[in-house]
Amino acid sequence: MKPVQVADGVFFCHTPLVNWVLVKDGDAVTLVDTGYPGQADLVVRSLLDIGSTPASLAAILVTHAHVDHVGSAERLSNEHGVPVYVHDAELAHARREAHHAATPVDVLRNAWRPGVLPWLLAATRVGVTSQQGISAPASFPGSGRLDLPGGPVPVLTAGHTPGHTVFQLPDHGIVITGDALVTGHPTSRTAGPQLLVPWFDDDRAETVRALDVIGSLGGELVLPGHGEPHHGSVANAARVAQSRVRSTSTS
């Protein structure tokens, strides 16, 4: 895995299981999401690949507190004093005081579906069963554009989890969508803009409604939590995902 520069100072880090994003401004870096616990060394390697180190991190922004997005946040925070920010509505989930993820029963009920067992085996190797959270997450430091590399703007897109947040990079026309809008996943046979399978969502109806929020943000590049980047209108990507939800519900 090598970070791919998708805009000036913006690097997309793609793995078959999950993605993260690095936004660099001078010597400082904002890290958005942190992979599975077993991918911590990959996250560090991605920083080195762009000429940075964990000591360069100004902050970690978390789209949501599922284990595949916070896996190395605690380690980086403890070892390098990096603040980890989440939406207020995600704090309890991040501290593991609340549960907003698919349960083992959910997975077992869907194990017969194509792709689920291969995904589970691969994800188990990097810590999908871990209870790793964040011991001291913080609320976003202010509202609107954050004073961090890239000037990210947090936008609440509740549904996948109560505090799921996407990050708009207005200077680059980019929206980092986490799991509110993806372009692929091992459990999906579809490529392109879509939602994850319903049993991954805390509130499916809210997840679907959040696509309207994403579609209103503008921009020409989606960097999803799963799958490849989507080059083209963010609004159109949201509409494609909505149409796929409708076609699935009527099939």
C-alpha atoms as a PDB file:
ATOM      1  CA  MET A   1       0.000   0.000   0.000  1.00  0.00           C
ATOM      2  CA  LYS A   2       1.414   3.365  -1.077  1.00  0.00           C
ATOM      3  CA  PRO A   3      -0.354   6.673  -0.450  1.00  0.00           C
ATOM      4  CA  VAL A   4      -1.677   8.191  -3.671  1.00  0.00           C
ATOM      5  CA  GLN A   5      -1.607  11.967  -3.966  1.00  0.00           C
ATOM      6  CA  VAL A   6      -5.064  13.000  -5.154  1.00  0.00           C
ATOM      7  CA  ALA A   7      -4.654  16.769  -4.678  1.00  0.00           C
ATOM      8  CA  ASP A   8      -2.006  19.156  -3.446  1.00  0.00           C
ATOM      9  CA  GLY A   9      -1.082  17.816  -0.006  1.00  0.00           C
ATOM     10  CA  VAL A  10      -3.905  15.240   0.091  1.00  0.00           C
ATOM     11  CA  PHE A  11      -2.978  11.549   0.092  1.00  0.00           C
ATOM     12  CA  PHE A  12      -5.390   8.618  -0.140  1.00  0.00           C
ATOM     13  CA  CYS A  13      -4.300   5.400   1.561  1.00  0.00           C
ATOM     14  CA  HIS A  14      -6.210   2.416   0.183  1.00  0.00           C
ATOM     15  CA  THR A  15      -6.195  -1.176   1.430  1.00  0.00           C
ATOM     16  CA  PRO A  16      -8.581  -3.990   0.451  1.00  0.00           C
ATOM     17  CA  LEU A  17     -10.290  -3.711   3.850  1.00  0.00           C
ATOM     18  CA  VAL A  18     -10.376  -0.005   4.736  1.00  0.00           C
ATOM     19  CA  ASN A  19      -8.891   3.374   3.845  1.00  0.00           C
ATOM     20  CA  TRP A  20      -7.490   6.464   5.563  1.00  0.00           C
ATOM     21  CA  VAL A  21      -6.463   9.940   4.389  1.00  0.00           C
ATOM     22  CA  LEU A  22      -3.450  12.142   5.092  1.00  0.00           C
ATOM     23  CA  VAL A  23      -3.645  15.907   4.596  1.00  0.00           C
ATOM     24  CA  LYS A  24      -0.276  17.649   4.715  1.00  0.00           C
ATOM     25  CA  ASP A  25       0.432  21.357   5.090  1.00  0.00           C
ATOM     26  CA  GLY A  26       4.129  22.135   5.457  1.00  0.00           C
ATOM     27  CA  ASP A  27       5.462  19.841   8.159  1.00  0.00           C
ATOM     28  CA  ALA A  28       2.075  19.222   9.801  1.00  0.00           C
ATOM     29  CA  VAL A  29      -0.388  16.448   8.948  1.00  0.00           C
ATOM     30  CA  THR A  30      -4.041  15.731   9.640  1.00  0.00           C
ATOM     31  CA  LEU A  31      -4.861  12.009   9.668  1.00  0.00           C
ATOM     32  CA  VAL A  32      -8.470  11.065   8.936  1.00  0.00           C
ATOM     33  CA  ASP A  33      -9.253   7.570  10.282  1.00  0.00           C
ATOM     34  CA  THR A  34      -6.634   5.024  11.269  1.00  0.00           C
ATOM     35  CA  GLY A  35      -7.479   1.547   9.930  1.00  0.00           C
ATOM     36  CA  TYR A  36      -7.726  -1.672  11.943  1.00  0.00           C
ATOM     37  CA  PRO A  37      -5.527  -2.305  15.017  1.00  0.00           C
ATOM     38  CA  GLY A  38      -3.418  -4.717  12.967  1.00  0.00           C
ATOM     39  CA  GLN A  39      -2.750  -2.013  10.384  1.00  0.00           C
ATOM     40  CA  ALA A  40      -1.010   0.380  12.763  1.00  0.00           C
ATOM     41  CA  ASP A  41       2.382  -0.199  11.146  1.00  0.00           C
ATOM     42  CA  LEU A  42       0.841   0.496   7.726  1.00  0.00           C
ATOM     43  CA  VAL A  43      -0.486   3.818   8.997  1.00  0.00           C
ATOM     44  CA  VAL A  44       2.975   4.761  10.256  1.00  0.00           C
ATOM     45  CA  ARG A  45       4.505   3.621   6.964  1.00  0.00           C
ATOM     46  CA  SER A  46       2.071   5.804   5.031  1.00  0.00           C
ATOM     47  CA  LEU A  47       3.269   8.820   7.012  1.00  0.00           C
ATOM     48  CA  LEU A  48       6.884   7.976   6.248  1.00  0.00           C
ATOM     49  CA  ASP A  49       6.013   7.530   2.575  1.00  0.00           C
ATOM     50  CA  ILE A  50       4.869  11.160   2.332  1.00  0.00           C
ATOM     51  CA  GLY A  51       7.953  12.437   4.117  1.00  0.00           C
ATOM     52  CA  SER A  52       6.374  12.763   7.559  1.00  0.00           C
ATOM     53  CA  THR A  53       6.407  10.901  10.876  1.00  0.00           C
ATOM     54  CA  PRO A  54       3.844  10.329  13.631  1.00  0.00           C
ATOM     55  CA  ALA A  55       5.438  13.315  15.399  1.00  0.00           C
ATOM     56  CA  SER A  56       4.196  15.455  12.497  1.00  0.00           C
ATOM     57  CA  LEU A  57       0.551  14.726  13.287  1.00  0.00           C
ATOM     58  CA  ALA A  58      -1.400  17.798  14.310  1.00  0.00           C
ATOM     59  CA  ALA A  59      -4.557  15.759  14.936  1.00  0.00           C
ATOM     60  CA  ILE A  60      -6.464  12.604  14.145  1.00  0.00           C
ATOM     61  CA  LEU A  61     -10.013  13.106  12.892  1.00  0.00           C
ATOM     62  CA  VAL A  62     -12.349  10.125  13.164  1.00  0.00           C
ATOM     63  CA  THR A  63     -15.345   9.704  10.879  1.00  0.00           C
ATOM     64  CA  HIS A  64     -16.798   7.177  13.323  1.00  0.00           C
ATOM     65  CA  ALA A  65     -15.605   4.833  16.029  1.00  0.00           C
ATOM     66  CA  HIS A  66     -15.870   1.403  14.400  1.00  0.00           C
ATOM     67  CA  VAL A  67     -12.741  -0.621  15.023  1.00  0.00           C
ATOM     68  CA  ASP A  68     -11.614  -0.455  11.381  1.00  0.00           C
ATOM     69  CA  HIS A  69     -11.451   3.351  11.606  1.00  0.00           C
ATOM     70  CA  VAL A  70      -9.948   3.858  15.081  1.00  0.00           C
ATOM     71  CA  GLY A  71      -7.584   0.885  15.189  1.00  0.00           C
ATOM     72  CA  SER A  72      -4.328   2.812  15.674  1.00  0.00           C
ATOM     73  CA  ALA A  73      -5.710   6.087  17.066  1.00  0.00           C
ATOM     74  CA  GLU A  74      -5.073   5.143  20.702  1.00  0.00           C
ATOM     75  CA  ARG A  75      -1.514   4.026  19.983  1.00  0.00           C
ATOM     76  CA  LEU A  76      -0.660   7.197  18.073  1.00  0.00           C
ATOM     77  CA  SER A  77      -2.281   9.355  20.734  1.00  0.00           C
ATOM     78  CA  ASN A  78      -0.466   7.656  23.603  1.00  0.00           C
ATOM     79  CA  GLU A  79       2.935   7.477  21.932  1.00  0.00           C
ATOM     80  CA  HIS A  80       2.981  10.894  20.295  1.00  0.00           C
ATOM     81  CA  GLY A  81       0.484  13.022  22.199  1.00  0.00           C
ATOM     82  CA  VAL A  82      -1.791  13.412  19.167  1.00  0.00           C
ATOM     83  CA  PRO A  83      -5.315  14.672  19.936  1.00  0.00           C
ATOM     84  CA  VAL A  84      -8.131  12.503  18.563  1.00  0.00           C
ATOM     85  CA  TYR A  85     -11.325  14.326  17.609  1.00  0.00           C
ATOM     86  CA  VAL A  86     -14.820  12.915  17.059  1.00  0.00           C
ATOM     87  CA  HIS A  87     -18.320  14.361  16.954  1.00  0.00           C
ATOM     88  CA  ASP A  88     -20.002  14.868  20.339  1.00  0.00           C
ATOM     89  CA  ALA A  89     -22.556  12.186  19.434  1.00  0.00           C
ATOM     90  CA  GLU A  90     -19.720   9.687  18.875  1.00  0.00           C
ATOM     91  CA  LEU A  91     -17.830  10.217  22.137  1.00  0.00           C
ATOM     92  CA  ALA A  92     -19.511   7.421  24.097  1.00  0.00           C
ATOM     93  CA  HIS A  93     -19.065   4.997  21.213  1.00  0.00           C
ATOM     94  CA  ALA A  94     -15.391   5.941  20.890  1.00  0.00           C
ATOM     95  CA  ARG A  95     -14.868   5.299  24.614  1.00  0.00           C
ATOM     96  CA  ARG A  96     -16.711   1.963  24.233  1.00  0.00           C
ATOM     97  CA  GLU A  97     -19.401   3.059  26.662  1.00  0.00           C
ATOM     98  CA  ALA A  98     -21.992   2.392  23.937  1.00  0.00           C
ATOM     99  CA  HIS A  99     -22.256  -0.123  21.117  1.00  0.00           C
ATOM    100  CA  HIS A 100     -23.138   0.956  17.589  1.00  0.00           C
ATOM    101  CA  ALA A 101     -21.629  -1.776  15.425  1.00  0.00           C
ATOM    102  CA  ALA A 102     -22.619  -5.055  13.826  1.00  0.00           C
ATOM    103  CA  THR A 103     -22.692  -7.817  16.428  1.00  0.00           C
ATOM    104  CA  PRO A 104     -21.333 -11.361  16.068  1.00  0.00           C
ATOM    105  CA  VAL A 105     -24.948 -12.474  15.671  1.00  0.00           C
ATOM    106  CA  ASP A 106     -25.400 -10.046  12.768  1.00  0.00           C
ATOM    107  CA  VAL A 107     -22.335 -11.477  11.079  1.00  0.00           C
ATOM    108  CA  LEU A 108     -23.386 -15.091  11.636  1.00  0.00           C
ATOM    109  CA  ARG A 109     -26.876 -14.423  10.279  1.00  0.00           C
ATOM    110  CA  ASN A 110     -25.313 -13.081   7.093  1.00  0.00           C
ATOM    111  CA  ALA A 111     -22.405 -15.511   6.781  1.00  0.00           C
ATOM    112  CA  TRP A 112     -24.117 -17.269   3.874  1.00  0.00           C
ATOM    113  CA  ARG A 113     -23.967 -14.134   1.741  1.00  0.00           C
ATOM    114  CA  PRO A 114     -21.246 -13.859  -0.933  1.00  0.00           C
ATOM    115  CA  GLY A 115     -18.085 -12.231   0.354  1.00  0.00           C
ATOM    116  CA  VAL A 116     -18.966 -12.209   4.042  1.00  0.00           C
ATOM    117  CA  LEU A 117     -16.793 -15.126   5.194  1.00  0.00           C
ATOM    118  CA  PRO A 118     -13.714 -14.056   3.171  1.00  0.00           C
ATOM    119  CA  TRP A 119     -14.127 -10.537   4.563  1.00  0.00           C
ATOM    120  CA  LEU A 120     -14.492 -11.865   8.114  1.00  0.00           C
ATOM    121  CA  LEU A 121     -11.376 -14.047   7.833  1.00  0.00           C
ATOM    122  CA  ALA A 122      -9.285 -11.198   6.445  1.00  0.00           C
ATOM    123  CA  ALA A 123     -10.652  -8.690   8.966  1.00  0.00           C
ATOM    124  CA  THR A 124     -10.081 -11.074  11.871  1.00  0.00           C
ATOM    125  CA  ARG A 125      -6.387 -11.166  11.039  1.00  0.00           C
ATOM    126  CA  VAL A 126      -6.148  -7.395  11.576  1.00  0.00           C
ATOM    127  CA  GLY A 127      -8.367  -7.109  14.634  1.00  0.00           C
ATOM    128  CA  VAL A 128     -12.047  -6.872  13.729  1.00  0.00           C
ATOM    129  CA  THR A 129     -12.953  -8.604  17.002  1.00  0.00           C
ATOM    130  CA  SER A 130     -10.884  -6.162  19.070  1.00  0.00           C
ATOM    131  CA  GLN A 131     -12.649  -3.894  21.547  1.00  0.00           C
ATOM    132  CA  GLN A 132     -10.067  -1.187  20.895  1.00  0.00           C
ATOM    133  CA  GLY A 133     -11.538   2.259  21.300  1.00  0.00           C
ATOM    134  CA  ILE A 134     -10.207   5.677  22.286  1.00  0.00           C
ATOM    135  CA  SER A 135      -9.768   6.329  25.988  1.00  0.00           C
ATOM    136  CA  ALA A 136      -9.789  10.127  25.785  1.00  0.00           C
ATOM    137  CA  PRO A 137     -11.452  11.335  22.576  1.00  0.00           C
ATOM    138  CA  ALA A 138     -12.179  15.036  22.282  1.00  0.00           C
ATOM    139  CA  SER A 139     -14.962  16.987  20.611  1.00  0.00           C
ATOM    140  CA  PHE A 140     -14.053  18.864  17.445  1.00  0.00           C
ATOM    141  CA  PRO A 141     -12.152  22.048  18.349  1.00  0.00           C
ATOM    142  CA  GLY A 142     -14.779  24.539  17.224  1.00  0.00           C
ATOM    143  CA  SER A 143     -17.421  24.529  14.519  1.00  0.00           C
ATOM    144  CA  GLY A 144     -17.041  25.010  10.802  1.00  0.00           C
ATOM    145  CA  ARG A 145     -13.578  24.951   9.264  1.00  0.00           C
ATOM    146  CA  LEU A 146     -11.017  23.514  11.675  1.00  0.00           C
ATOM    147  CA  ASP A 147      -7.628  25.141  12.203  1.00  0.00           C
ATOM    148  CA  LEU A 148      -5.806  22.018  11.067  1.00  0.00           C
ATOM    149  CA  PRO A 149      -3.826  21.058   7.953  1.00  0.00           C
ATOM    150  CA  GLY A 150      -6.218  21.094   4.997  1.00  0.00           C
ATOM    151  CA  GLY A 151      -8.826  23.207   6.807  1.00  0.00           C
ATOM    152  CA  PRO A 152     -11.293  20.281   7.091  1.00  0.00           C
ATOM    153  CA  VAL A 153     -14.952  21.032   7.750  1.00  0.00           C
ATOM    154  CA  PRO A 154     -16.784  18.364   9.818  1.00  0.00           C
ATOM    155  CA  VAL A 155     -20.345  17.628   8.668  1.00  0.00           C
ATOM    156  CA  LEU A 156     -22.582  15.351  10.737  1.00  0.00           C
ATOM    157  CA  THR A 157     -23.999  12.433   8.714  1.00  0.00           C
ATOM    158  CA  ALA A 158     -25.596  10.339  11.438  1.00  0.00           C
ATOM    159  CA  GLY A 159     -26.960   6.905  10.646  1.00  0.00           C
ATOM    160  CA  HIS A 160     -24.108   4.483  10.192  1.00  0.00           C
ATOM    161  CA  THR A 161     -23.341   5.510  13.777  1.00  0.00           C
ATOM    162  CA  PRO A 162     -24.949   8.327  15.811  1.00  0.00           C
ATOM    163  CA  GLY A 163     -21.986  10.664  15.365  1.00  0.00           C
ATOM    164  CA  HIS A 164     -20.732   9.646  11.933  1.00  0.00           C
ATOM    165  CA  THR A 165     -19.060  12.653  10.344  1.00  0.00           C
ATOM    166  CA  VAL A 166     -17.775  13.365   6.859  1.00  0.00           C
ATOM    167  CA  PHE A 167     -15.008  15.904   6.261  1.00  0.00           C
ATOM    168  CA  GLN A 168     -15.157  18.428   3.483  1.00  0.00           C
ATOM    169  CA  LEU A 169     -11.923  19.892   2.124  1.00  0.00           C
ATOM    170  CA  PRO A 170     -13.359  22.980   0.405  1.00  0.00           C
ATOM    171  CA  ASP A 171     -10.033  24.159  -1.015  1.00  0.00           C
ATOM    172  CA  HIS A 172      -9.727  20.903  -2.943  1.00  0.00           C
ATOM    173  CA  GLY A 173     -13.347  20.025  -3.802  1.00  0.00           C
ATOM    174  CA  ILE A 174     -12.977  16.816  -1.791  1.00  0.00           C
ATOM    175  CA  VAL A 175     -15.344  15.061   0.617  1.00  0.00           C
ATOM    176  CA  ILE A 176     -13.934  12.328   2.871  1.00  0.00           C
ATOM    177  CA  THR A 177     -17.013  10.205   3.409  1.00  0.00           C
ATOM    178  CA  GLY A 178     -16.012   7.408   5.788  1.00  0.00           C
ATOM    179  CA  ASP A 179     -18.795   4.812   5.735  1.00  0.00           C
ATOM    180  CA  ALA A 180     -21.635   7.222   4.911  1.00  0.00           C
ATOM    181  CA  LEU A 181     -20.850   6.717   1.204  1.00  0.00           C
ATOM    182  CA  VAL A 182     -18.476   4.057  -0.089  1.00  0.00           C
ATOM    183  CA  THR A 183     -17.472   2.759  -3.510  1.00  0.00           C
ATOM    184  CA  GLY A 184     -16.865  -0.883  -2.696  1.00  0.00           C
ATOM    185  CA  HIS A 185     -16.474  -3.463   0.056  1.00  0.00           C
ATOM    186  CA  PRO A 186     -15.570  -7.179   0.187  1.00  0.00           C
ATOM    187  CA  THR A 187     -19.205  -7.931   1.119  1.00  0.00           C
ATOM    188  CA  SER A 188     -20.535  -6.115  -1.963  1.00  0.00           C
ATOM    189  CA  ARG A 189     -20.668  -7.282  -5.576  1.00  0.00           C
ATOM    190  CA  THR A 190     -21.146  -3.686  -6.718  1.00  0.00           C
ATOM    191  CA  ALA A 191     -18.479  -1.142  -7.670  1.00  0.00           C
ATOM    192  CA  GLY A 192     -19.079   2.594  -7.488  1.00  0.00           C
ATOM    193  CA  PRO A 193     -21.018   4.847  -5.110  1.00  0.00           C
ATOM    194  CA  GLN A 194     -23.165   2.861  -2.676  1.00  0.00           C
ATOM    195  CA  LEU A 195     -23.981   2.230   0.964  1.00  0.00           C
ATOM    196  CA  LEU A 196     -22.594  -0.626   2.978  1.00  0.00           C
ATOM    197  CA  VAL A 197     -24.894  -3.582   3.583  1.00  0.00           C
ATOM    198  CA  PRO A 198     -27.735  -2.603   5.954  1.00  0.00           C
ATOM    199  CA  TRP A 199     -26.615  -4.746   8.884  1.00  0.00           C
ATOM    200  CA  PHE A 200     -23.489  -2.619   9.251  1.00  0.00           C
ATOM    201  CA  ASP A 201     -25.641   0.462   9.974  1.00  0.00           C
ATOM    202  CA  ASP A 202     -26.885   1.552  13.379  1.00  0.00           C
ATOM    203  CA  ASP A 203     -29.891   3.312  11.775  1.00  0.00           C
ATOM    204  CA  ARG A 204     -30.409   2.465   8.102  1.00  0.00           C
ATOM    205  CA  ALA A 205     -33.076   5.092   7.462  1.00  0.00           C
ATOM    206  CA  GLU A 206     -30.811   7.829   8.823  1.00  0.00           C
ATOM    207  CA  THR A 207     -27.901   6.516   6.764  1.00  0.00           C
ATOM    208  CA  VAL A 208     -30.000   6.851   3.619  1.00  0.00           C
ATOM    209  CA  ARG A 209     -31.088  10.368   4.591  1.00  0.00           C
ATOM    210  CA  ALA A 210     -27.469  11.355   5.173  1.00  0.00           C
ATOM    211  CA  LEU A 211     -26.852  10.951   1.439  1.00  0.00           C
ATOM    212  CA  ASP A 212     -28.855  14.158   0.949  1.00  0.00           C
ATOM    213  CA  VAL A 213     -26.416  15.958   3.230  1.00  0.00           C
ATOM    214  CA  ILE A 214     -23.423  14.616   1.325  1.00  0.00           C
ATOM    215  CA  GLY A 215     -25.013  15.520  -1.981  1.00  0.00           C
ATOM    216  CA  SER A 216     -25.413  19.128  -0.859  1.00  0.00           C
ATOM    217  CA  LEU A 217     -21.721  19.632  -0.135  1.00  0.00           C
ATOM    218  CA  GLY A 218     -20.439  20.047  -3.673  1.00  0.00           C
ATOM    219  CA  GLY A 219     -17.025  18.949  -4.849  1.00  0.00           C
ATOM    220  CA  GLU A 220     -15.588  16.673  -7.482  1.00  0.00           C
ATOM    221  CA  LEU A 221     -13.845  13.921  -5.536  1.00  0.00           C
ATOM    222  CA  VAL A 222     -15.106  11.407  -2.973  1.00  0.00           C
ATOM    223  CA  LEU A 223     -12.553   9.690  -0.746  1.00  0.00           C
ATOM    224  CA  PRO A 224     -14.490   6.818   0.862  1.00  0.00           C
ATOM    225  CA  GLY A 225     -13.740   4.660   3.869  1.00  0.00           C
ATOM    226  CA  HIS A 226     -13.997   1.584   1.639  1.00  0.00           C
ATOM    227  CA  GLY A 227     -13.320   1.259  -2.060  1.00  0.00           C
ATOM    228  CA  GLU A 228     -11.525   3.435  -4.582  1.00  0.00           C
ATOM    229  CA  PRO A 229     -11.780   7.228  -4.936  1.00  0.00           C
ATOM    230  CA  HIS A 230     -14.723   8.481  -6.961  1.00  0.00           C
ATOM    231  CA  HIS A 231     -13.710  11.162  -9.441  1.00  0.00           C
ATOM    232  CA  GLY A 232     -16.695  13.254 -10.450  1.00  0.00           C
ATOM    233  CA  SER A 233     -19.545  15.157  -8.890  1.00  0.00           C
ATOM    234  CA  VAL A 234     -20.048  14.410  -5.207  1.00  0.00           C
ATOM    235  CA  ALA A 235     -23.737  15.224  -5.661  1.00  0.00           C
ATOM    236  CA  ASN A 236     -24.007  12.700  -8.467  1.00  0.00           C
ATOM    237  CA  ALA A 237     -22.223  10.058  -6.397  1.00  0.00           C
ATOM    238  CA  ALA A 238     -24.821  10.540  -3.651  1.00  0.00           C
ATOM    239  CA  ARG A 239     -27.632  10.234  -6.206  1.00  0.00           C
ATOM    240  CA  VAL A 240     -26.166   6.993  -7.583  1.00  0.00           C
ATOM    241  CA  ALA A 241     -26.014   5.539  -4.070  1.00  0.00           C
ATOM    242  CA  GLN A 242     -29.613   6.609  -3.451  1.00  0.00           C
ATOM    243  CA  SER A 243     -30.773   4.971  -6.670  1.00  0.00           C
ATOM    244  CA  ARG A 244     -29.073   1.739  -5.679  1.00  0.00           C
ATOM    245  CA  VAL A 245     -30.829   1.804  -2.319  1.00  0.00           C
ATOM    246  CA  ARG A 246     -34.177   2.259  -4.075  1.00  0.00           C
ATOM    247  CA  SER A 247     -33.504  -0.517  -6.574  1.00  0.00           C
ATOM    248  CA  THR A 248     -32.512  -2.892  -3.782  1.00  0.00           C
ATOM    249  CA  SER A 249     -35.609  -2.077  -1.727  1.00  0.00           C
ATOM    250  CA  THR A 250     -37.912  -2.765  -4.671  1.00  0.00           C
ATOM    251  CA  SER A 251     -36.177  -5.908  -5.946  1.00  0.00           C
END
